[in-house]
Amino acid sequence: MAKRKVIWSTHSSMDMVEIMNYYTHRNKSKDYSQKLYNSIQFKLKTLDFSVALPQKTSDNKLFYFTIKHIFIGFDCNNNNNLNVLLVIDDRRNPELIKKMLNTTA
């Protein structure tokens, strides 16, 4: 099997950096942020579509999973590459999440 490439959209990349900066500032260390990012990257690269993970959305082209309270929304192109479209800390204000979902749709 060919190695899967993970492509982050500009918006999702900025959101991931914001989340990592938050935890770095809160914990006064980059350790948790780095572990969180590494676990997300590992999950994306090793995702097996033959099992129940990831979940499908109402749009059959979009998938998602949650890891340590971080919602990752993505699609898969013909080359088996993953395009990360949305990254949300699911403990945020629900109104902010609705606004983010509306801007990416």
PDB file of N, CA and C in Angstrom:
ATOM      1  N   MET A   1       0.843  -1.183   0.000  1.00  0.00           N
ATOM      2  CA  MET A   1       0.000   0.000   0.000  1.00  0.00           C
ATOM      3  C   MET A   1       0.886   1.243   0.000  1.00  0.00           C
ATOM      4  N   ALA A   2       0.533   2.198  -0.829  1.00  0.00           N
ATOM      5  CA  ALA A   2       1.305   3.437  -0.917  1.00  0.00           C
ATOM      6  C   ALA A   2       1.134   4.257   0.351  1.00  0.00           C
ATOM      7  N   LYS A   3       2.143   5.036   0.626  1.00  0.00           N
ATOM      8  CA  LYS A   3       2.080   5.875   1.821  1.00  0.00           C
ATOM      9  C   LYS A   3       1.042   6.978   1.612  1.00  0.00           C
ATOM     10  N   ARG A   4       0.217   7.175   2.605  1.00  0.00           N
ATOM     11  CA  ARG A   4      -0.847   8.167   2.537  1.00  0.00           C
ATOM     12  C   ARG A   4      -0.281   9.550   2.861  1.00  0.00           C
ATOM     13  N   LYS A   5      -0.673  10.528   2.079  1.00  0.00           N
ATOM     14  CA  LYS A   5      -0.252  11.902   2.307  1.00  0.00           C
ATOM     15  C   LYS A   5      -1.401  12.661   2.964  1.00  0.00           C
ATOM     16  N   VAL A   6      -1.080  13.442   3.996  1.00  0.00           N
ATOM     17  CA  VAL A   6      -2.075  14.251   4.692  1.00  0.00           C
ATOM     18  C   VAL A   6      -1.869  15.699   4.279  1.00  0.00           C
ATOM     19  N   ILE A   7      -2.914  16.303   3.727  1.00  0.00           N
ATOM     20  CA  ILE A   7      -2.857  17.685   3.252  1.00  0.00           C
ATOM     21  C   ILE A   7      -3.779  18.519   4.127  1.00  0.00           C
ATOM     22  N   TRP A   8      -3.214  19.513   4.796  1.00  0.00           N
ATOM     23  CA  TRP A   8      -3.985  20.381   5.683  1.00  0.00           C
ATOM     24  C   TRP A   8      -4.408  21.626   4.910  1.00  0.00           C
ATOM     25  N   SER A   9      -5.691  21.977   4.991  1.00  0.00           N
ATOM     26  CA  SER A   9      -6.144  23.238   4.406  1.00  0.00           C
ATOM     27  C   SER A   9      -5.579  24.385   5.241  1.00  0.00           C
ATOM     28  N   THR A  10      -5.534  25.554   4.677  1.00  0.00           N
ATOM     29  CA  THR A  10      -5.008  26.715   5.393  1.00  0.00           C
ATOM     30  C   THR A  10      -5.797  26.956   6.670  1.00  0.00           C
ATOM     31  N   HIS A  11      -7.109  26.876   6.572  1.00  0.00           N
ATOM     32  CA  HIS A  11      -7.976  27.130   7.726  1.00  0.00           C
ATOM     33  C   HIS A  11      -7.755  26.090   8.831  1.00  0.00           C
ATOM     34  N   SER A  12      -7.706  24.812   8.454  1.00  0.00           N
ATOM     35  CA  SER A  12      -7.518  23.765   9.460  1.00  0.00           C
ATOM     36  C   SER A  12      -6.128  23.828  10.074  1.00  0.00           C
ATOM     37  N   SER A  13      -5.148  24.189   9.282  1.00  0.00           N
ATOM     38  CA  SER A  13      -3.783  24.321   9.797  1.00  0.00           C
ATOM     39  C   SER A  13      -3.697  25.444  10.823  1.00  0.00           C
ATOM     40  N   MET A  14      -4.338  26.570  10.531  1.00  0.00           N
ATOM     41  CA  MET A  14      -4.339  27.692  11.467  1.00  0.00           C
ATOM     42  C   MET A  14      -5.069  27.328  12.753  1.00  0.00           C
ATOM     43  N   ASP A  15      -6.168  26.595  12.637  1.00  0.00           N
ATOM     44  CA  ASP A  15      -6.911  26.160  13.825  1.00  0.00           C
ATOM     45  C   ASP A  15      -6.083  25.205  14.677  1.00  0.00           C
ATOM     46  N   MET A  16      -5.344  24.305  14.034  1.00  0.00           N
ATOM     47  CA  MET A  16      -4.503  23.361  14.782  1.00  0.00           C
ATOM     48  C   MET A  16      -3.398  24.113  15.512  1.00  0.00           C
ATOM     49  N   VAL A  17      -2.795  25.091  14.875  1.00  0.00           N
ATOM     50  CA  VAL A  17      -1.751  25.897  15.518  1.00  0.00           C
ATOM     51  C   VAL A  17      -2.336  26.655  16.703  1.00  0.00           C
ATOM     52  N   GLU A  18      -3.535  27.193  16.543  1.00  0.00           N
ATOM     53  CA  GLU A  18      -4.197  27.913  17.633  1.00  0.00           C
ATOM     54  C   GLU A  18      -4.450  26.994  18.830  1.00  0.00           C
ATOM     55  N   ILE A  19      -4.907  25.778  18.562  1.00  0.00           N
ATOM     56  CA  ILE A  19      -5.148  24.810  19.640  1.00  0.00           C
ATOM     57  C   ILE A  19      -3.843  24.439  20.330  1.00  0.00           C
ATOM     58  N   MET A  20      -2.799  24.196  19.537  1.00  0.00           N
ATOM     59  CA  MET A  20      -1.500  23.845  20.124  1.00  0.00           C
ATOM     60  C   MET A  20      -0.931  25.000  20.950  1.00  0.00           C
ATOM     61  N   ASN A  21      -1.085  26.222  20.464  1.00  0.00           N
ATOM     62  CA  ASN A  21      -0.616  27.388  21.226  1.00  0.00           C
ATOM     63  C   ASN A  21      -1.373  27.535  22.543  1.00  0.00           C
ATOM     64  N   TYR A  22      -2.668  27.262  22.506  1.00  0.00           N
ATOM     65  CA  TYR A  22      -3.472  27.338  23.725  1.00  0.00           C
ATOM     66  C   TYR A  22      -2.925  26.380  24.782  1.00  0.00           C
ATOM     67  N   TYR A  23      -2.699  25.127  24.396  1.00  0.00           N
ATOM     68  CA  TYR A  23      -2.212  24.146  25.367  1.00  0.00           C
ATOM     69  C   TYR A  23      -0.769  24.417  25.792  1.00  0.00           C
ATOM     70  N   THR A  24       0.031  24.944  24.906  1.00  0.00           N
ATOM     71  CA  THR A  24       1.396  25.313  25.283  1.00  0.00           C
ATOM     72  C   THR A  24       1.368  26.404  26.338  1.00  0.00           C
ATOM     73  N   HIS A  25       0.520  27.405  26.125  1.00  0.00           N
ATOM     74  CA  HIS A  25       0.407  28.514  27.081  1.00  0.00           C
ATOM     75  C   HIS A  25      -0.193  28.030  28.407  1.00  0.00           C
ATOM     76  N   ARG A  26      -1.255  27.231  28.340  1.00  0.00           N
ATOM     77  CA  ARG A  26      -1.926  26.752  29.538  1.00  0.00           C
ATOM     78  C   ARG A  26      -1.029  25.849  30.379  1.00  0.00           C
ATOM     79  N   ASN A  27      -0.298  24.950  29.720  1.00  0.00           N
ATOM     80  CA  ASN A  27       0.531  23.976  30.435  1.00  0.00           C
ATOM     81  C   ASN A  27       1.961  24.441  30.664  1.00  0.00           C
ATOM     82  N   LYS A  28       2.313  25.598  30.110  1.00  0.00           N
ATOM     83  CA  LYS A  28       3.672  26.146  30.222  1.00  0.00           C
ATOM     84  C   LYS A  28       4.719  25.167  29.669  1.00  0.00           C
ATOM     85  N   SER A  29       4.296  24.370  28.697  1.00  0.00           N
ATOM     86  CA  SER A  29       5.176  23.386  28.079  1.00  0.00           C
ATOM     87  C   SER A  29       4.602  22.992  26.721  1.00  0.00           C
ATOM     88  N   LYS A  30       5.477  22.635  25.793  1.00  0.00           N
ATOM     89  CA  LYS A  30       5.035  22.186  24.472  1.00  0.00           C
ATOM     90  C   LYS A  30       4.762  20.688  24.425  1.00  0.00           C
ATOM     91  N   ASP A  31       5.025  19.982  25.499  1.00  0.00           N
ATOM     92  CA  ASP A  31       4.928  18.519  25.499  1.00  0.00           C
ATOM     93  C   ASP A  31       3.539  18.017  25.111  1.00  0.00           C
ATOM     94  N   TYR A  32       2.500  18.497  25.793  1.00  0.00           N
ATOM     95  CA  TYR A  32       1.145  18.014  25.501  1.00  0.00           C
ATOM     96  C   TYR A  32       0.737  18.382  24.077  1.00  0.00           C
ATOM     97  N   SER A  33       1.036  19.608  23.670  1.00  0.00           N
ATOM     98  CA  SER A  33       0.684  20.049  22.320  1.00  0.00           C
ATOM     99  C   SER A  33       1.337  19.158  21.275  1.00  0.00           C
ATOM    100  N   GLN A  34       2.588  18.839  21.469  1.00  0.00           N
ATOM    101  CA  GLN A  34       3.315  18.004  20.511  1.00  0.00           C
ATOM    102  C   GLN A  34       2.759  16.574  20.488  1.00  0.00           C
ATOM    103  N   LYS A  35       2.451  16.035  21.657  1.00  0.00           N
ATOM    104  CA  LYS A  35       1.871  14.690  21.719  1.00  0.00           C
ATOM    105  C   LYS A  35       0.505  14.654  21.046  1.00  0.00           C
ATOM    106  N   LEU A  36      -0.294  15.679  21.263  1.00  0.00           N
ATOM    107  CA  LEU A  36      -1.610  15.765  20.645  1.00  0.00           C
ATOM    108  C   LEU A  36      -1.489  15.805  19.120  1.00  0.00           C
ATOM    109  N   TYR A  37      -0.617  16.665  18.619  1.00  0.00           N
ATOM    110  CA  TYR A  37      -0.409  16.791  17.173  1.00  0.00           C
ATOM    111  C   TYR A  37       0.105  15.474  16.587  1.00  0.00           C
ATOM    112  N   ASN A  38       1.066  14.858  17.257  1.00  0.00           N
ATOM    113  CA  ASN A  38       1.621  13.592  16.761  1.00  0.00           C
ATOM    114  C   ASN A  38       0.570  12.491  16.732  1.00  0.00           C
ATOM    115  N   SER A  39      -0.294  12.440  17.746  1.00  0.00           N
ATOM    116  CA  SER A  39      -1.333  11.404  17.766  1.00  0.00           C
ATOM    117  C   SER A  39      -2.354  11.638  16.656  1.00  0.00           C
ATOM    118  N   ILE A  40      -2.672  12.894  16.350  1.00  0.00           N
ATOM    119  CA  ILE A  40      -3.592  13.207  15.254  1.00  0.00           C
ATOM    120  C   ILE A  40      -2.962  12.822  13.916  1.00  0.00           C
ATOM    121  N   GLN A  41      -1.698  13.191  13.716  1.00  0.00           N
ATOM    122  CA  GLN A  41      -0.995  12.849  12.473  1.00  0.00           C
ATOM    123  C   GLN A  41      -0.918  11.332  12.292  1.00  0.00           C
ATOM    124  N   PHE A  42      -0.594  10.611  13.359  1.00  0.00           N
ATOM    125  CA  PHE A  42      -0.498   9.155  13.281  1.00  0.00           C
ATOM    126  C   PHE A  42      -1.845   8.553  12.910  1.00  0.00           C
ATOM    127  N   LYS A  43      -2.913   9.035  13.541  1.00  0.00           N
ATOM    128  CA  LYS A  43      -4.256   8.526  13.261  1.00  0.00           C
ATOM    129  C   LYS A  43      -4.635   8.778  11.807  1.00  0.00           C
ATOM    130  N   LEU A  44      -4.325   9.973  11.287  1.00  0.00           N
ATOM    131  CA  LEU A  44      -4.651  10.296   9.904  1.00  0.00           C
ATOM    132  C   LEU A  44      -3.883   9.402   8.924  1.00  0.00           C
ATOM    133  N   LYS A  45      -2.620   9.155   9.196  1.00  0.00           N
ATOM    134  CA  LYS A  45      -1.797   8.365   8.271  1.00  0.00           C
ATOM    135  C   LYS A  45      -2.109   6.875   8.325  1.00  0.00           C
ATOM    136  N   THR A  46      -2.613   6.401   9.446  1.00  0.00           N
ATOM    137  CA  THR A  46      -2.862   4.965   9.592  1.00  0.00           C
ATOM    138  C   THR A  46      -4.345   4.619   9.611  1.00  0.00           C
ATOM    139  N   LEU A  47      -5.190   5.558   9.291  1.00  0.00           N
ATOM    140  CA  LEU A  47      -6.632   5.355   9.312  1.00  0.00           C
ATOM    141  C   LEU A  47      -7.030   4.209   8.394  1.00  0.00           C
ATOM    142  N   ASP A  48      -7.822   3.295   8.906  1.00  0.00           N
ATOM    143  CA  ASP A  48      -8.270   2.135   8.146  1.00  0.00           C
ATOM    144  C   ASP A  48      -9.749   2.304   7.843  1.00  0.00           C
ATOM    145  N   PHE A  49     -10.081   2.450   6.578  1.00  0.00           N
ATOM    146  CA  PHE A  49     -11.465   2.674   6.178  1.00  0.00           C
ATOM    147  C   PHE A  49     -12.300   1.401   6.181  1.00  0.00           C
ATOM    148  N   SER A  50     -11.706   0.274   6.493  1.00  0.00           N
ATOM    149  CA  SER A  50     -12.456  -0.971   6.502  1.00  0.00           C
ATOM    150  C   SER A  50     -13.129  -1.248   7.848  1.00  0.00           C
ATOM    151  N   VAL A  51     -12.856  -0.417   8.836  1.00  0.00           N
ATOM    152  CA  VAL A  51     -13.485  -0.568  10.142  1.00  0.00           C
ATOM    153  C   VAL A  51     -14.431   0.594  10.386  1.00  0.00           C
ATOM    154  N   ALA A  52     -15.026   0.665  11.535  1.00  0.00           N
ATOM    155  CA  ALA A  52     -16.045   1.676  11.841  1.00  0.00           C
ATOM    156  C   ALA A  52     -15.486   3.092  11.895  1.00  0.00           C
ATOM    157  N   LEU A  53     -14.196   3.237  12.087  1.00  0.00           N
ATOM    158  CA  LEU A  53     -13.599   4.569  12.148  1.00  0.00           C
ATOM    159  C   LEU A  53     -13.044   4.890  10.779  1.00  0.00           C
ATOM    160  N   PRO A  54     -13.262   5.982  10.208  1.00  0.00           N
ATOM    161  CA  PRO A  54     -13.919   7.186  10.687  1.00  0.00           C
ATOM    162  C   PRO A  54     -15.424   7.161  10.421  1.00  0.00           C
ATOM    163  N   GLN A  55     -16.110   8.121  10.988  1.00  0.00           N
ATOM    164  CA  GLN A  55     -17.544   8.258  10.806  1.00  0.00           C
ATOM    165  C   GLN A  55     -17.818   9.057   9.538  1.00  0.00           C
ATOM    166  N   LYS A  56     -18.921   8.746   8.860  1.00  0.00           N
ATOM    167  CA  LYS A  56     -19.347   9.530   7.701  1.00  0.00           C
ATOM    168  C   LYS A  56     -20.271  10.636   8.155  1.00  0.00           C
ATOM    169  N   THR A  57     -20.242  11.738   7.430  1.00  0.00           N
ATOM    170  CA  THR A  57     -21.201  12.809   7.662  1.00  0.00           C
ATOM    171  C   THR A  57     -22.373  12.601   6.707  1.00  0.00           C
ATOM    172  N   SER A  58     -23.311  13.542   6.704  1.00  0.00           N
ATOM    173  CA  SER A  58     -24.440  13.432   5.782  1.00  0.00           C
ATOM    174  C   SER A  58     -23.971  13.547   4.329  1.00  0.00           C
ATOM    175  N   ASP A  59     -22.824  14.193   4.104  1.00  0.00           N
ATOM    176  CA  ASP A  59     -22.194  14.235   2.788  1.00  0.00           C
ATOM    177  C   ASP A  59     -21.260  13.027   2.716  1.00  0.00           C
ATOM    178  N   ASN A  60     -21.532  12.075   1.839  1.00  0.00           N
ATOM    179  CA  ASN A  60     -20.779  10.823   1.807  1.00  0.00           C
ATOM    180  C   ASN A  60     -19.290  10.987   1.501  1.00  0.00           C
ATOM    181  N   LYS A  61     -18.868  12.151   1.060  1.00  0.00           N
ATOM    182  CA  LYS A  61     -17.457  12.377   0.766  1.00  0.00           C
ATOM    183  C   LYS A  61     -16.678  12.847   1.991  1.00  0.00           C
ATOM    184  N   LEU A  62     -17.390  13.297   3.010  1.00  0.00           N
ATOM    185  CA  LEU A  62     -16.733  13.844   4.200  1.00  0.00           C
ATOM    186  C   LEU A  62     -16.763  12.840   5.344  1.00  0.00           C
ATOM    187  N   PHE A  63     -15.636  12.757   6.041  1.00  0.00           N
ATOM    188  CA  PHE A  63     -15.485  11.863   7.183  1.00  0.00           C
ATOM    189  C   PHE A  63     -14.997  12.665   8.378  1.00  0.00           C
ATOM    190  N   TYR A  64     -15.106  12.062   9.559  1.00  0.00           N
ATOM    191  CA  TYR A  64     -14.585  12.726  10.748  1.00  0.00           C
ATOM    192  C   TYR A  64     -14.241  11.705  11.816  1.00  0.00           C
ATOM    193  N   PHE A  65     -13.427  12.130  12.748  1.00  0.00           N
ATOM    194  CA  PHE A  65     -13.190  11.382  13.972  1.00  0.00           C
ATOM    195  C   PHE A  65     -12.808  12.373  15.050  1.00  0.00           C
ATOM    196  N   THR A  66     -12.894  11.936  16.286  1.00  0.00           N
ATOM    197  CA  THR A  66     -12.529  12.773  17.422  1.00  0.00           C
ATOM    198  C   THR A  66     -11.419  12.067  18.169  1.00  0.00           C
ATOM    199  N   ILE A  67     -10.395  12.834  18.502  1.00  0.00           N
ATOM    200  CA  ILE A  67      -9.297  12.287  19.288  1.00  0.00           C
ATOM    201  C   ILE A  67      -8.960  13.303  20.374  1.00  0.00           C
ATOM    202  N   LYS A  68      -9.080  12.872  21.617  1.00  0.00           N
ATOM    203  CA  LYS A  68      -8.807  13.733  22.772  1.00  0.00           C
ATOM    204  C   LYS A  68      -9.517  15.078  22.636  1.00  0.00           C
ATOM    205  N   HIS A  69     -10.824  15.052  22.393  1.00  0.00           N
ATOM    206  CA  HIS A  69     -11.700  16.216  22.301  1.00  0.00           C
ATOM    207  C   HIS A  69     -11.437  17.116  21.094  1.00  0.00           C
ATOM    208  N   ILE A  70     -10.614  16.683  20.148  1.00  0.00           N
ATOM    209  CA  ILE A  70     -10.363  17.449  18.926  1.00  0.00           C
ATOM    210  C   ILE A  70     -11.113  16.761  17.781  1.00  0.00           C
ATOM    211  N   PHE A  71     -12.017  17.504  17.155  1.00  0.00           N
ATOM    212  CA  PHE A  71     -12.809  17.020  16.025  1.00  0.00           C
ATOM    213  C   PHE A  71     -12.016  17.270  14.752  1.00  0.00           C
ATOM    214  N   ILE A  72     -11.796  16.222  13.959  1.00  0.00           N
ATOM    215  CA  ILE A  72     -11.059  16.337  12.697  1.00  0.00           C
ATOM    216  C   ILE A  72     -12.010  15.957  11.568  1.00  0.00           C
ATOM    217  N   GLY A  73     -12.277  16.902  10.659  1.00  0.00           N
ATOM    218  CA  GLY A  73     -13.114  16.644   9.494  1.00  0.00           C
ATOM    219  C   GLY A  73     -12.246  16.604   8.253  1.00  0.00           C
ATOM    220  N   PHE A  74     -12.445  15.598   7.386  1.00  0.00           N
ATOM    221  CA  PHE A  74     -11.569  15.442   6.227  1.00  0.00           C
ATOM    222  C   PHE A  74     -12.290  14.723   5.101  1.00  0.00           C
ATOM    223  N   ASP A  75     -11.690  14.766   3.912  1.00  0.00           N
ATOM    224  CA  ASP A  75     -12.155  13.958   2.801  1.00  0.00           C
ATOM    225  C   ASP A  75     -10.965  13.201   2.230  1.00  0.00           C
ATOM    226  N   CYS A  76     -11.258  12.241   1.392  1.00  0.00           N
ATOM    227  CA  CYS A  76     -10.229  11.389   0.803  1.00  0.00           C
ATOM    228  C   CYS A  76     -10.321  11.536  -0.709  1.00  0.00           C
ATOM    229  N   ASN A  77      -9.196  11.841  -1.369  1.00  0.00           N
ATOM    230  CA  ASN A  77      -9.239  11.988  -2.825  1.00  0.00           C
ATOM    231  C   ASN A  77      -8.873  10.680  -3.521  1.00  0.00           C
ATOM    232  N   ASN A  78      -8.826  10.693  -4.835  1.00  0.00           N
ATOM    233  CA  ASN A  78      -8.591   9.476  -5.624  1.00  0.00           C
ATOM    234  C   ASN A  78      -7.217   8.854  -5.382  1.00  0.00           C
ATOM    235  N   ASN A  79      -6.252   9.634  -4.957  1.00  0.00           N
ATOM    236  CA  ASN A  79      -4.903   9.126  -4.716  1.00  0.00           C
ATOM    237  C   ASN A  79      -4.737   8.596  -3.300  1.00  0.00           C
ATOM    238  N   ASN A  80      -5.844   8.433  -2.580  1.00  0.00           N
ATOM    239  CA  ASN A  80      -5.833   7.962  -1.193  1.00  0.00           C
ATOM    240  C   ASN A  80      -5.200   8.978  -0.239  1.00  0.00           C
ATOM    241  N   ASN A  81      -5.071  10.224  -0.678  1.00  0.00           N
ATOM    242  CA  ASN A  81      -4.579  11.286   0.200  1.00  0.00           C
ATOM    243  C   ASN A  81      -5.737  11.854   0.997  1.00  0.00           C
ATOM    244  N   LEU A  82      -5.450  12.285   2.219  1.00  0.00           N
ATOM    245  CA  LEU A  82      -6.474  12.878   3.067  1.00  0.00           C
ATOM    246  C   LEU A  82      -6.328  14.392   3.070  1.00  0.00           C
ATOM    247  N   ASN A  83      -7.425  15.084   2.885  1.00  0.00           N
ATOM    248  CA  ASN A  83      -7.460  16.538   2.954  1.00  0.00           C
ATOM    249  C   ASN A  83      -8.166  16.928   4.243  1.00  0.00           C
ATOM    250  N   VAL A  84      -7.413  17.468   5.193  1.00  0.00           N
ATOM    251  CA  VAL A  84      -7.998  17.891   6.463  1.00  0.00           C
ATOM    252  C   VAL A  84      -8.658  19.241   6.229  1.00  0.00           C
ATOM    253  N   LEU A  85      -9.961  19.295   6.454  1.00  0.00           N
ATOM    254  CA  LEU A  85     -10.739  20.491   6.171  1.00  0.00           C
ATOM    255  C   LEU A  85     -11.140  21.269   7.413  1.00  0.00           C
ATOM    256  N   LEU A  86     -11.268  20.568   8.531  1.00  0.00           N
ATOM    257  CA  LEU A  86     -11.805  21.206   9.722  1.00  0.00           C
ATOM    258  C   LEU A  86     -11.180  20.618  10.976  1.00  0.00           C
ATOM    259  N   VAL A  87     -10.723  21.490  11.869  1.00  0.00           N
ATOM    260  CA  VAL A  87     -10.184  21.084  13.163  1.00  0.00           C
ATOM    261  C   VAL A  87     -10.859  21.949  14.212  1.00  0.00           C
ATOM    262  N   ILE A  88     -11.551  21.301  15.159  1.00  0.00           N
ATOM    263  CA  ILE A  88     -12.286  22.047  16.181  1.00  0.00           C
ATOM    264  C   ILE A  88     -12.045  21.407  17.541  1.00  0.00           C
ATOM    265  N   ASP A  89     -11.742  22.227  18.528  1.00  0.00           N
ATOM    266  CA  ASP A  89     -11.730  21.761  19.913  1.00  0.00           C
ATOM    267  C   ASP A  89     -13.196  21.714  20.320  1.00  0.00           C
ATOM    268  N   ASP A  90     -13.730  20.508  20.535  1.00  0.00           N
ATOM    269  CA  ASP A  90     -15.175  20.379  20.733  1.00  0.00           C
ATOM    270  C   ASP A  90     -15.671  20.877  22.086  1.00  0.00           C
ATOM    271  N   ARG A  91     -14.800  21.439  22.894  1.00  0.00           N
ATOM    272  CA  ARG A  91     -15.239  22.038  24.159  1.00  0.00           C
ATOM    273  C   ARG A  91     -15.450  23.544  24.021  1.00  0.00           C
ATOM    274  N   ARG A  92     -15.328  24.073  22.816  1.00  0.00           N
ATOM    275  CA  ARG A  92     -15.535  25.495  22.583  1.00  0.00           C
ATOM    276  C   ARG A  92     -17.003  25.865  22.692  1.00  0.00           C
ATOM    277  N   ASN A  93     -17.242  27.153  22.665  1.00  0.00           N
ATOM    278  CA  ASN A  93     -18.592  27.698  22.652  1.00  0.00           C
ATOM    279  C   ASN A  93     -19.354  27.141  21.443  1.00  0.00           C
ATOM    280  N   PRO A  94     -20.546  26.560  21.634  1.00  0.00           N
ATOM    281  CA  PRO A  94     -21.300  25.987  20.516  1.00  0.00           C
ATOM    282  C   PRO A  94     -21.605  26.992  19.402  1.00  0.00           C
ATOM    283  N   GLU A  95     -21.810  28.242  19.744  1.00  0.00           N
ATOM    284  CA  GLU A  95     -22.083  29.244  18.715  1.00  0.00           C
ATOM    285  C   GLU A  95     -20.859  29.458  17.828  1.00  0.00           C
ATOM    286  N   LEU A  96     -19.680  29.416  18.410  1.00  0.00           N
ATOM    287  CA  LEU A  96     -18.446  29.555  17.636  1.00  0.00           C
ATOM    288  C   LEU A  96     -18.281  28.367  16.689  1.00  0.00           C
ATOM    289  N   ILE A  97     -18.625  27.187  17.156  1.00  0.00           N
ATOM    290  CA  ILE A  97     -18.520  25.997  16.307  1.00  0.00           C
ATOM    291  C   ILE A  97     -19.483  26.095  15.140  1.00  0.00           C
ATOM    292  N   LYS A  98     -20.729  26.535  15.377  1.00  0.00           N
ATOM    293  CA  LYS A  98     -21.681  26.707  14.293  1.00  0.00           C
ATOM    294  C   LYS A  98     -21.166  27.698  13.257  1.00  0.00           C
ATOM    295  N   LYS A  99     -20.570  28.778  13.725  1.00  0.00           N
ATOM    296  CA  LYS A  99     -20.028  29.787  12.820  1.00  0.00           C
ATOM    297  C   LYS A  99     -18.894  29.190  11.985  1.00  0.00           C
ATOM    298  N   MET A 100     -18.010  28.415  12.615  1.00  0.00           N
ATOM    299  CA  MET A 100     -16.905  27.790  11.883  1.00  0.00           C
ATOM    300  C   MET A 100     -17.424  26.800  10.858  1.00  0.00           C
ATOM    301  N   LEU A 101     -18.437  26.021  11.205  1.00  0.00           N
ATOM    302  CA  LEU A 101     -18.996  25.051  10.275  1.00  0.00           C
ATOM    303  C   LEU A 101     -19.645  25.747   9.085  1.00  0.00           C
ATOM    304  N   ASN A 102     -20.295  26.865   9.320  1.00  0.00           N
ATOM    305  CA  ASN A 102     -20.942  27.598   8.227  1.00  0.00           C
ATOM    306  C   ASN A 102     -19.928  28.216   7.284  1.00  0.00           C
ATOM    307  N   THR A 103     -18.756  28.618   7.780  1.00  0.00           N
ATOM    308  CA  THR A 103     -17.762  29.233   6.910  1.00  0.00           C
ATOM    309  C   THR A 103     -17.025  28.206   6.080  1.00  0.00           C
ATOM    310  N   THR A 104     -16.977  26.947   6.509  1.00  0.00           N
ATOM    311  CA  THR A 104     -16.278  25.921   5.732  1.00  0.00           C
ATOM    312  C   THR A 104     -17.204  25.186   4.778  1.00  0.00           C
ATOM    313  N   ALA A 105     -18.505  25.334   4.956  1.00  0.00           N
ATOM    314  CA  ALA A 105     -19.462  24.606   4.092  1.00  0.00           C
ATOM    315  C   ALA A 105     -19.622  25.278   2.756  1.00  0.00           C
TER     316      ALA A 105
END
